[in-house]
C-alpha atoms as a PDB file:
ATOM      1  CA  UNK A   1      62.204  75.825  77.581  1.00  0.00           C
ATOM      2  CA  UNK A   2      59.153  74.805  78.980  1.00  0.00           C
ATOM      3  CA  UNK A   3      57.963  70.759  77.646  1.00  0.00           C
ATOM      4  CA  UNK A   4      55.096  72.451  76.419  1.00  0.00           C
ATOM      5  CA  UNK A   5      57.094  74.447  74.071  1.00  0.00           C
ATOM      6  CA  UNK A   6      59.943  71.885  73.368  1.00  0.00           C
ATOM      7  CA  UNK A   7      57.027  69.384  72.495  1.00  0.00           C
ATOM      8  CA  UNK A   8      55.041  71.948  70.300  1.00  0.00           C
ATOM      9  CA  UNK A   9      58.715  72.275  68.493  1.00  0.00           C
ATOM     10  CA  UNK A  10      58.428  68.848  67.452  1.00  0.00           C
ATOM     11  CA  UNK A  11      55.374  69.012  66.207  1.00  0.00           C
ATOM     12  CA  UNK A  12      55.838  71.766  63.796  1.00  0.00           C
ATOM     13  CA  UNK A  13      58.635  69.444  62.164  1.00  0.00           C
ATOM     14  CA  UNK A  14      57.726  68.059  58.899  1.00  0.00           C
ATOM     15  CA  UNK A  15      57.985  64.538  60.092  1.00  0.00           C
ATOM     16  CA  UNK A  16      55.723  61.980  62.286  1.00  0.00           C
ATOM     17  CA  UNK A  17      56.665  61.371  66.006  1.00  0.00           C
ATOM     18  CA  UNK A  18      57.192  58.140  67.022  1.00  0.00           C
ATOM     19  CA  UNK A  19      56.339  58.009  70.530  1.00  0.00           C
ATOM     20  CA  UNK A  20      57.614  54.876  72.864  1.00  0.00           C
ATOM     21  CA  UNK A  21      54.654  54.326  75.643  1.00  0.00           C
ATOM     22  CA  UNK A  22      56.947  54.374  79.451  1.00  0.00           C
ATOM     23  CA  UNK A  23      55.265  52.895  82.334  1.00  0.00           C
ATOM     24  CA  UNK A  24      58.128  53.826  85.203  1.00  0.00           C
ATOM     25  CA  UNK A  25      61.139  56.037  85.347  1.00  0.00           C
ATOM     26  CA  UNK A  26      63.874  53.433  84.523  1.00  0.00           C
ATOM     27  CA  UNK A  27      61.751  53.178  80.976  1.00  0.00           C
ATOM     28  CA  UNK A  28      61.583  56.828  80.089  1.00  0.00           C
ATOM     29  CA  UNK A  29      65.679  56.863  80.961  1.00  0.00           C
ATOM     30  CA  UNK A  30      66.557  53.605  78.412  1.00  0.00           C
ATOM     31  CA  UNK A  31      63.389  55.934  75.741  1.00  0.00           C
ATOM     32  CA  UNK A  32      66.018  58.405  76.592  1.00  0.00           C
ATOM     33  CA  UNK A  33      69.025  56.852  75.928  1.00  0.00           C
ATOM     34  CA  UNK A  34      67.449  55.363  73.158  1.00  0.00           C
ATOM     35  CA  UNK A  35      67.514  58.938  70.861  1.00  0.00           C
ATOM     36  CA  UNK A  36      63.727  59.292  70.925  1.00  0.00           C
ATOM     37  CA  UNK A  37      62.543  63.268  72.041  1.00  0.00           C
ATOM     38  CA  UNK A  38      59.267  62.773  73.483  1.00  0.00           C
ATOM     39  CA  UNK A  39      58.047  59.582  75.646  1.00  0.00           C
ATOM     40  CA  UNK A  40      54.599  59.298  77.344  1.00  0.00           C
ATOM     41  CA  UNK A  41      53.664  57.230  79.851  1.00  0.00           C
ATOM     42  CA  UNK A  42      50.699  54.571  79.364  1.00  0.00           C
ATOM     43  CA  UNK A  43      47.403  54.180  81.478  1.00  0.00           C
ATOM     44  CA  UNK A  44      47.663  50.412  81.139  1.00  0.00           C
ATOM     45  CA  UNK A  45      51.234  50.438  82.058  1.00  0.00           C
ATOM     46  CA  UNK A  46      50.952  51.930  85.373  1.00  0.00           C
ATOM     47  CA  UNK A  47      47.879  50.711  86.382  1.00  0.00           C
ATOM     48  CA  UNK A  48      49.963  47.146  85.299  1.00  0.00           C
ATOM     49  CA  UNK A  49      52.863  47.325  87.046  1.00  0.00           C
ATOM     50  CA  UNK A  50      51.749  49.292  89.969  1.00  0.00           C
ATOM     51  CA  UNK A  51      48.954  47.716  90.993  1.00  0.00           C
ATOM     52  CA  UNK A  52      49.254  44.224  89.400  1.00  0.00           C
ATOM     53  CA  UNK A  53      45.552  45.407  87.907  1.00  0.00           C
ATOM     54  CA  UNK A  54      44.383  45.956  84.091  1.00  0.00           C
ATOM     55  CA  UNK A  55      43.486  49.359  83.065  1.00  0.00           C
ATOM     56  CA  UNK A  56      40.124  48.933  84.071  1.00  0.00           C
ATOM     57  CA  UNK A  57      40.264  52.270  86.090  1.00  0.00           C
ATOM     58  CA  UNK A  58      41.531  51.152  89.011  1.00  0.00           C
ATOM     59  CA  UNK A  59      43.574  53.896  89.280  1.00  0.00           C
ATOM     60  CA  UNK A  60      43.393  56.962  91.414  1.00  0.00           C
ATOM     61  CA  UNK A  61      43.747  60.581  89.995  1.00  0.00           C
ATOM     62  CA  UNK A  62      46.390  61.175  93.092  1.00  0.00           C
ATOM     63  CA  UNK A  63      48.501  58.010  92.218  1.00  0.00           C
ATOM     64  CA  UNK A  64      47.716  59.054  88.022  1.00  0.00           C
ATOM     65  CA  UNK A  65      50.209  62.464  88.906  1.00  0.00           C
ATOM     66  CA  UNK A  66      52.057  60.621  91.014  1.00  0.00           C
ATOM     67  CA  UNK A  67      53.459  58.236  89.048  1.00  0.00           C
ATOM     68  CA  UNK A  68      54.140  60.598  86.171  1.00  0.00           C
ATOM     69  CA  UNK A  69      55.328  63.608  88.043  1.00  0.00           C
ATOM     70  CA  UNK A  70      58.064  61.508  89.225  1.00  0.00           C
ATOM     71  CA  UNK A  71      58.675  60.257  85.215  1.00  0.00           C
ATOM     72  CA  UNK A  72      58.462  63.762  84.345  1.00  0.00           C
ATOM     73  CA  UNK A  73      61.131  64.836  86.320  1.00  0.00           C
ATOM     74  CA  UNK A  74      63.460  62.066  85.887  1.00  0.00           C
ATOM     75  CA  UNK A  75      64.159  62.819  82.627  1.00  0.00           C
ATOM     76  CA  UNK A  76      64.890  66.082  79.911  1.00  0.00           C
ATOM     77  CA  UNK A  77      62.928  65.307  77.013  1.00  0.00           C
ATOM     78  CA  UNK A  78      59.129  66.398  77.344  1.00  0.00           C
ATOM     79  CA  UNK A  79      56.150  63.971  78.681  1.00  0.00           C
ATOM     80  CA  UNK A  80      52.629  63.132  77.123  1.00  0.00           C
ATOM     81  CA  UNK A  81      50.771  61.639  80.351  1.00  0.00           C
ATOM     82  CA  UNK A  82      47.905  59.426  79.460  1.00  0.00           C
ATOM     83  CA  UNK A  83      45.226  61.487  82.266  1.00  0.00           C
ATOM     84  CA  UNK A  84      42.346  59.239  82.012  1.00  0.00           C
ATOM     85  CA  UNK A  85      38.962  60.849  81.892  1.00  0.00           C
ATOM     86  CA  UNK A  86      40.351  63.427  83.509  1.00  0.00           C
ATOM     87  CA  UNK A  87      38.703  61.683  87.141  1.00  0.00           C
ATOM     88  CA  UNK A  88      35.452  64.116  86.917  1.00  0.00           C
ATOM     89  CA  UNK A  89      33.868  66.129  85.309  1.00  0.00           C
ATOM     90  CA  UNK A  90      35.133  69.904  84.374  1.00  0.00           C
ATOM     91  CA  UNK A  91      35.848  70.927  87.243  1.00  0.00           C
ATOM     92  CA  UNK A  92      37.568  67.602  88.922  1.00  0.00           C
ATOM     93  CA  UNK A  93      39.622  68.161  84.766  1.00  0.00           C
ATOM     94  CA  UNK A  94      40.468  72.186  85.849  1.00  0.00           C
ATOM     95  CA  UNK A  95      41.921  70.907  89.378  1.00  0.00           C
ATOM     96  CA  UNK A  96      43.689  67.674  87.372  1.00  0.00           C
ATOM     97  CA  UNK A  97      45.069  69.920  84.244  1.00  0.00           C
ATOM     98  CA  UNK A  98      46.479  72.379  86.863  1.00  0.00           C
ATOM     99  CA  UNK A  99      48.735  69.819  88.642  1.00  0.00           C
ATOM    100  CA  UNK A 100      49.664  68.302  85.477  1.00  0.00           C
ATOM    101  CA  UNK A 101      51.178  71.763  84.442  1.00  0.00           C
ATOM    102  CA  UNK A 102      52.652  72.365  87.998  1.00  0.00           C
ATOM    103  CA  UNK A 103      53.911  68.664  87.630  1.00  0.00           C
ATOM    104  CA  UNK A 104      55.806  69.809  84.200  1.00  0.00           C
ATOM    105  CA  UNK A 105      53.915  67.813  81.433  1.00  0.00           C
ATOM    106  CA  UNK A 106      54.247  68.727  78.218  1.00  0.00           C
ATOM    107  CA  UNK A 107      50.985  67.452  76.983  1.00  0.00           C
ATOM    108  CA  UNK A 108      48.050  64.824  78.381  1.00  0.00           C
ATOM    109  CA  UNK A 109      45.506  62.920  77.153  1.00  0.00           C
ATOM    110  CA  UNK A 110      41.842  63.032  78.646  1.00  0.00           C
ATOM    111  CA  UNK A 111      39.317  60.402  76.708  1.00  0.00           C
ATOM    112  CA  UNK A 112      36.138  60.993  76.012  1.00  0.00           C
ATOM    113  CA  UNK A 113      34.759  57.746  78.295  1.00  0.00           C
ATOM    114  CA  UNK A 114      32.796  57.233  81.032  1.00  0.00           C
ATOM    115  CA  UNK A 115      34.251  56.277  84.121  1.00  0.00           C
ATOM    116  CA  UNK A 116      35.986  53.263  85.048  1.00  0.00           C
ATOM    117  CA  UNK A 117      36.863  54.104  82.286  1.00  0.00           C
ATOM    118  CA  UNK A 118      38.701  50.978  80.472  1.00  0.00           C
ATOM    119  CA  UNK A 119      41.744  50.210  77.607  1.00  0.00           C
ATOM    120  CA  UNK A 120      40.379  51.475  74.485  1.00  0.00           C
ATOM    121  CA  UNK A 121      41.455  47.909  72.775  1.00  0.00           C
ATOM    122  CA  UNK A 122      39.302  46.421  75.713  1.00  0.00           C
ATOM    123  CA  UNK A 123      35.305  45.137  74.739  1.00  0.00           C
ATOM    124  CA  UNK A 124      32.973  46.837  76.295  1.00  0.00           C
ATOM    125  CA  UNK A 125      33.613  50.310  76.418  1.00  0.00           C
ATOM    126  CA  UNK A 126      30.829  53.127  76.717  1.00  0.00           C
ATOM    127  CA  UNK A 127      30.709  56.869  76.190  1.00  0.00           C
ATOM    128  CA  UNK A 128      29.774  60.098  77.742  1.00  0.00           C
ATOM    129  CA  UNK A 129      27.214  62.776  75.960  1.00  0.00           C
ATOM    130  CA  UNK A 130      29.950  64.385  73.215  1.00  0.00           C
ATOM    131  CA  UNK A 131      28.567  68.081  74.374  1.00  0.00           C
ATOM    132  CA  UNK A 132      29.683  66.675  78.374  1.00  0.00           C
ATOM    133  CA  UNK A 133      33.517  66.096  76.800  1.00  0.00           C
ATOM    134  CA  UNK A 134      33.294  69.073  74.794  1.00  0.00           C
ATOM    135  CA  UNK A 135      32.804  70.732  77.504  1.00  0.00           C
ATOM    136  CA  UNK A 136      35.535  69.078  79.543  1.00  0.00           C
ATOM    137  CA  UNK A 137      38.114  69.876  76.537  1.00  0.00           C
ATOM    138  CA  UNK A 138      37.242  73.705  77.557  1.00  0.00           C
ATOM    139  CA  UNK A 139      37.859  73.891  81.137  1.00  0.00           C
ATOM    140  CA  UNK A 140      41.453  72.201  80.381  1.00  0.00           C
ATOM    141  CA  UNK A 141      41.975  74.972  77.941  1.00  0.00           C
ATOM    142  CA  UNK A 142      41.035  77.198  80.493  1.00  0.00           C
ATOM    143  CA  UNK A 143      42.880  75.146  82.944  1.00  0.00           C
ATOM    144  CA  UNK A 144      46.120  75.439  81.756  1.00  0.00           C
ATOM    145  CA  UNK A 145      46.528  79.081  82.012  1.00  0.00           C
ATOM    146  CA  UNK A 146      50.157  80.194  79.450  1.00  0.00           C
ATOM    147  CA  UNK A 147      51.923  76.790  80.196  1.00  0.00           C
ATOM    148  CA  UNK A 148      51.877  75.774  76.823  1.00  0.00           C
ATOM    149  CA  UNK A 149      50.960  72.274  77.346  1.00  0.00           C
ATOM    150  CA  UNK A 150      49.354  70.160  74.633  1.00  0.00           C
ATOM    151  CA  UNK A 151      46.123  68.867  75.295  1.00  0.00           C
ATOM    152  CA  UNK A 152      45.293  65.726  73.079  1.00  0.00           C
ATOM    153  CA  UNK A 153      41.515  65.177  73.203  1.00  0.00           C
ATOM    154  CA  UNK A 154      40.308  61.243  72.177  1.00  0.00           C
ATOM    155  CA  UNK A 155      36.976  59.207  71.855  1.00  0.00           C
ATOM    156  CA  UNK A 156      36.642  56.029  71.961  1.00  0.00           C
ATOM    157  CA  UNK A 157      33.766  56.237  70.168  1.00  0.00           C
ATOM    158  CA  UNK A 158      34.638  54.018  67.184  1.00  0.00           C
ATOM    159  CA  UNK A 159      33.127  50.901  69.369  1.00  0.00           C
ATOM    160  CA  UNK A 160      30.069  51.641  70.609  1.00  0.00           C
ATOM    161  CA  UNK A 161      28.831  53.888  68.645  1.00  0.00           C
ATOM    162  CA  UNK A 162      30.343  53.719  65.052  1.00  0.00           C
ATOM    163  CA  UNK A 163      33.054  55.759  62.793  1.00  0.00           C
ATOM    164  CA  UNK A 164      30.942  58.361  61.677  1.00  0.00           C
ATOM    165  CA  UNK A 165      30.045  59.575  65.320  1.00  0.00           C
ATOM    166  CA  UNK A 166      33.337  59.081  66.021  1.00  0.00           C
ATOM    167  CA  UNK A 167      34.807  61.613  63.270  1.00  0.00           C
ATOM    168  CA  UNK A 168      31.742  63.631  64.830  1.00  0.00           C
ATOM    169  CA  UNK A 169      32.694  64.468  68.438  1.00  0.00           C
ATOM    170  CA  UNK A 170      37.124  65.046  66.679  1.00  0.00           C
ATOM    171  CA  UNK A 171      35.469  67.861  65.372  1.00  0.00           C
ATOM    172  CA  UNK A 172      33.654  69.257  68.366  1.00  0.00           C
ATOM    173  CA  UNK A 173      36.732  68.299  70.603  1.00  0.00           C
ATOM    174  CA  UNK A 174      39.038  70.503  68.417  1.00  0.00           C
ATOM    175  CA  UNK A 175      36.245  73.501  68.131  1.00  0.00           C
ATOM    176  CA  UNK A 176      36.430  72.939  71.780  1.00  0.00           C
ATOM    177  CA  UNK A 177      40.417  73.952  71.804  1.00  0.00           C
ATOM    178  CA  UNK A 178      41.867  70.860  71.463  1.00  0.00           C
ATOM    179  CA  UNK A 179      45.366  70.824  70.417  1.00  0.00           C
ATOM    180  CA  UNK A 180      45.755  67.242  68.805  1.00  0.00           C
ATOM    181  CA  UNK A 181      42.711  64.522  68.020  1.00  0.00           C
ATOM    182  CA  UNK A 182      42.997  61.095  69.201  1.00  0.00           C
ATOM    183  CA  UNK A 183      40.830  58.070  67.074  1.00  0.00           C
ATOM    184  CA  UNK A 184      41.134  55.448  69.583  1.00  0.00           C
ATOM    185  CA  UNK A 185      40.938  51.726  67.761  1.00  0.00           C
ATOM    186  CA  UNK A 186      39.948  51.859  64.252  1.00  0.00           C
ATOM    187  CA  UNK A 187      39.803  49.173  63.120  1.00  0.00           C
ATOM    188  CA  UNK A 188      41.032  49.142  59.405  1.00  0.00           C
ATOM    189  CA  UNK A 189      43.160  51.008  56.845  1.00  0.00           C
ATOM    190  CA  UNK A 190      40.540  52.606  55.201  1.00  0.00           C
ATOM    191  CA  UNK A 191      39.463  53.854  58.519  1.00  0.00           C
ATOM    192  CA  UNK A 192      42.461  55.517  59.082  1.00  0.00           C
ATOM    193  CA  UNK A 193      41.956  56.945  55.726  1.00  0.00           C
ATOM    194  CA  UNK A 194      38.916  58.595  56.610  1.00  0.00           C
ATOM    195  CA  UNK A 195      39.768  60.104  59.794  1.00  0.00           C
ATOM    196  CA  UNK A 196      43.172  61.558  58.034  1.00  0.00           C
ATOM    197  CA  UNK A 197      40.698  62.745  54.823  1.00  0.00           C
ATOM    198  CA  UNK A 198      38.018  64.187  57.874  1.00  0.00           C
ATOM    199  CA  UNK A 199      41.383  66.529  59.070  1.00  0.00           C
ATOM    200  CA  UNK A 200      44.007  67.563  56.732  1.00  0.00           C
ATOM    201  CA  UNK A 201      44.920  70.520  59.327  1.00  0.00           C
ATOM    202  CA  UNK A 202      44.771  68.968  62.229  1.00  0.00           C
ATOM    203  CA  UNK A 203      47.367  67.319  63.879  1.00  0.00           C
ATOM    204  CA  UNK A 204      46.321  63.224  64.611  1.00  0.00           C
ATOM    205  CA  UNK A 205      46.779  60.696  67.150  1.00  0.00           C
ATOM    206  CA  UNK A 206      47.909  56.971  65.255  1.00  0.00           C
ATOM    207  CA  UNK A 207      48.080  54.109  68.576  1.00  0.00           C
ATOM    208  CA  UNK A 208      49.482  50.690  67.608  1.00  0.00           C
ATOM    209  CA  UNK A 209      48.861  48.384  69.872  1.00  0.00           C
ATOM    210  CA  UNK A 210      50.589  44.858  69.367  1.00  0.00           C
ATOM    211  CA  UNK A 211      47.724  41.968  68.953  1.00  0.00           C
ATOM    212  CA  UNK A 212      45.030  45.226  68.895  1.00  0.00           C
ATOM    213  CA  UNK A 213      42.190  46.917  67.260  1.00  0.00           C
ATOM    214  CA  UNK A 214      44.247  49.384  65.190  1.00  0.00           C
ATOM    215  CA  UNK A 215      46.155  47.577  61.608  1.00  0.00           C
ATOM    216  CA  UNK A 216      49.999  47.411  62.847  1.00  0.00           C
ATOM    217  CA  UNK A 217      51.102  49.341  59.495  1.00  0.00           C
ATOM    218  CA  UNK A 218      54.237  51.318  59.101  1.00  0.00           C
ATOM    219  CA  UNK A 219      54.741  54.921  60.953  1.00  0.00           C
ATOM    220  CA  UNK A 220      56.364  55.864  57.409  1.00  0.00           C
ATOM    221  CA  UNK A 221      52.415  54.195  56.036  1.00  0.00           C
ATOM    222  CA  UNK A 222      51.339  56.366  58.985  1.00  0.00           C
ATOM    223  CA  UNK A 223      52.813  59.590  57.736  1.00  0.00           C
ATOM    224  CA  UNK A 224      51.955  59.387  53.983  1.00  0.00           C
ATOM    225  CA  UNK A 225      47.984  59.107  55.094  1.00  0.00           C
ATOM    226  CA  UNK A 226      48.738  62.037  57.190  1.00  0.00           C
ATOM    227  CA  UNK A 227      48.444  60.824  60.763  1.00  0.00           C
ATOM    228  CA  UNK A 228      51.127  63.224  62.903  1.00  0.00           C
ATOM    229  CA  UNK A 229      52.508  61.647  65.942  1.00  0.00           C
ATOM    230  CA  UNK A 230      52.486  57.593  66.417  1.00  0.00           C
ATOM    231  CA  UNK A 231      52.065  55.719  69.920  1.00  0.00           C
ATOM    232  CA  UNK A 232      53.447  52.919  70.955  1.00  0.00           C
ATOM    233  CA  UNK A 233      52.210  52.130  74.673  1.00  0.00           C
ATOM    234  CA  UNK A 234      52.685  48.334  75.031  1.00  0.00           C
ATOM    235  CA  UNK A 235      55.123  47.451  73.029  1.00  0.00           C
ATOM    236  CA  UNK A 236      58.095  48.107  75.999  1.00  0.00           C
ATOM    237  CA  UNK A 237      55.742  46.535  78.570  1.00  0.00           C
ATOM    238  CA  UNK A 238      55.042  43.550  76.388  1.00  0.00           C
ATOM    239  CA  UNK A 239      58.697  43.151  76.119  1.00  0.00           C
ATOM    240  CA  UNK A 240      59.850  42.937  79.844  1.00  0.00           C
ATOM    241  CA  UNK A 241      56.944  41.196  80.348  1.00  0.00           C
ATOM    242  CA  UNK A 242      58.154  38.371  78.343  1.00  0.00           C
ATOM    243  CA  UNK A 243      62.190  38.921  78.896  1.00  0.00           C
ATOM    244  CA  UNK A 244      60.563  38.911  82.810  1.00  0.00           C
ATOM    245  CA  UNK A 245      58.630  35.449  82.479  1.00  0.00           C
ATOM    246  CA  UNK A 246      62.087  33.485  81.121  1.00  0.00           C
ATOM    247  CA  UNK A 247      64.501  34.939  83.575  1.00  0.00           C
ATOM    248  CA  UNK A 248      62.211  33.384  86.164  1.00  0.00           C
ATOM    249  CA  UNK A 249      61.526  30.477  84.702  1.00  0.00           C
ATOM    250  CA  UNK A 250      65.541  30.265  84.571  1.00  0.00           C
ATOM    251  CA  UNK A 251      66.561  30.865  87.487  1.00  0.00           C
ATOM    252  CA  UNK A 252      63.161  28.423  89.079  1.00  0.00           C
ATOM    253  CA  UNK A 253      64.683  25.725  86.390  1.00  0.00           C
ATOM    254  CA  UNK A 254      68.243  25.767  86.655  1.00  0.00           C
ATOM    255  CA  UNK A 255      69.361  27.686  90.226  1.00  0.00           C
ATOM    256  CA  UNK A 256      70.987  29.701  88.727  1.00  0.00           C
ATOM    257  CA  UNK A 257      71.214  33.080  86.394  1.00  0.00           C
ATOM    258  CA  UNK A 258      75.075  31.896  85.046  1.00  0.00           C
ATOM    259  CA  UNK A 259      74.100  31.003  81.173  1.00  0.00           C
ATOM    260  CA  UNK A 260      71.524  33.813  81.133  1.00  0.00           C
ATOM    261  CA  UNK A 261      72.350  35.516  77.890  1.00  0.00           C
ATOM    262  CA  UNK A 262      69.645  38.997  78.196  1.00  0.00           C
ATOM    263  CA  UNK A 263      70.683  40.591  81.365  1.00  0.00           C
ATOM    264  CA  UNK A 264      72.350  44.029  81.001  1.00  0.00           C
ATOM    265  CA  UNK A 265      75.991  45.014  82.756  1.00  0.00           C
ATOM    266  CA  UNK A 266      75.548  45.850  86.034  1.00  0.00           C
ATOM    267  CA  UNK A 267      78.318  48.820  85.664  1.00  0.00           C
ATOM    268  CA  UNK A 268      76.293  49.999  82.204  1.00  0.00           C
ATOM    269  CA  UNK A 269      72.813  49.883  84.590  1.00  0.00           C
ATOM    270  CA  UNK A 270      74.617  51.820  87.401  1.00  0.00           C
ATOM    271  CA  UNK A 271      75.533  54.829  84.313  1.00  0.00           C
ATOM    272  CA  UNK A 272      71.771  54.888  83.674  1.00  0.00           C
ATOM    273  CA  UNK A 273      71.014  55.266  87.296  1.00  0.00           C
ATOM    274  CA  UNK A 274      73.482  57.819  87.816  1.00  0.00           C
ATOM    275  CA  UNK A 275      75.624  56.206  90.298  1.00  0.00           C
ATOM    276  CA  UNK A 276      78.626  57.601  89.501  1.00  0.00           C
ATOM    277  CA  UNK A 277      77.857  60.821  89.859  1.00  0.00           C
ATOM    278  CA  UNK A 278      76.283  60.478  93.545  1.00  0.00           C
ATOM    279  CA  UNK A 279      79.543  59.060  94.264  1.00  0.00           C
ATOM    280  CA  UNK A 280      80.932  61.804  93.286  1.00  0.00           C
ATOM    281  CA  UNK A 281      78.289  64.242  95.253  1.00  0.00           C
ATOM    282  CA  UNK A 282      78.435  61.907  97.575  1.00  0.00           C
ATOM    283  CA  UNK A 283      82.316  62.834  98.595  1.00  0.00           C
ATOM    284  CA  UNK A 284      82.233  66.505  98.485  1.00  0.00           C
ATOM    285  CA  UNK A 285      79.885  66.524 101.339  1.00  0.00           C
ATOM    286  CA  UNK A 286      81.626  64.028 103.424  1.00  0.00           C
ATOM    287  CA  UNK A 287      81.993  65.079 106.901  1.00  0.00           C
ATOM    288  CA  UNK A 288      85.588  64.314 105.693  1.00  0.00           C
ATOM    289  CA  UNK A 289      85.885  67.314 103.127  1.00  0.00           C
ATOM    290  CA  UNK A 290      83.734  69.731 105.473  1.00  0.00           C
ATOM    291  CA  UNK A 291      85.497  72.398 107.078  1.00  0.00           C
ATOM    292  CA  UNK A 292      84.469  74.762 109.723  1.00  0.00           C
ATOM    293  CA  UNK A 293      83.079  78.433 109.403  1.00  0.00           C
ATOM    294  CA  UNK A 294      86.201  79.730 111.962  1.00  0.00           C
ATOM    295  CA  UNK A 295      88.864  77.565 109.618  1.00  0.00           C
ATOM    296  CA  UNK A 296      88.072  79.809 107.118  1.00  0.00           C
ATOM    297  CA  UNK A 297      87.924  83.137 108.250  1.00  0.00           C
END
């Protein structure tokens, strides 16, 4: 079964799907180990961790696909990838989607911002015309072929053009063939309710960014409103940043880590990345265990 088919099976369940955001293979493995059945990449997190830069469109298509492809290969659960605007016009989107399918991704996000895009919770966003992004969604549907890749259409129109326009765009993107709708950064519970009321039969995404524009209500409350997916795209990044900062400050001031309690056991970390298995494989193919063909006859 493909990753896309696995994701579609999860979407068929009645309960809301809580999805953590990851930005590297280690985080993805930890999310899977914690019991999550699907994970999603954060473009914000990948930009910050690989370039040390904000989510301002600095990542190229090649850099993003390389990162998400490696993450998809490191885990056994479906991965949804944030692929920004698709990196160009409808033709560029088609190539991006074909590459995404070949990499084994389960789903992709395509947003309607102008390039270079910005984080959905930053100020100063601008969006392309509705018809342009609807065409890109149609191109993505065409390009995925029979891969079962799930296409999530995202609109960032709420900030620059208002909620009514964002809802109108959502209708157009679903009509163009998107499987799921993601209206980014609604600013109140009332706006979340309005989105859910406008799309009673469409799987909807809520995006919870700690300190961002969307109210931080519970997953259960979002399910009651009618949402199918809730992303927590930056939670792990913010947590790791806090712990790493504390670790470095402790090391700088104390000169050692003897009393720093926020360290995972070294043996547990080795198990997480598969050291015992690779040691066994290494022994199996070691030179001293090689038997020449002439001696096997």
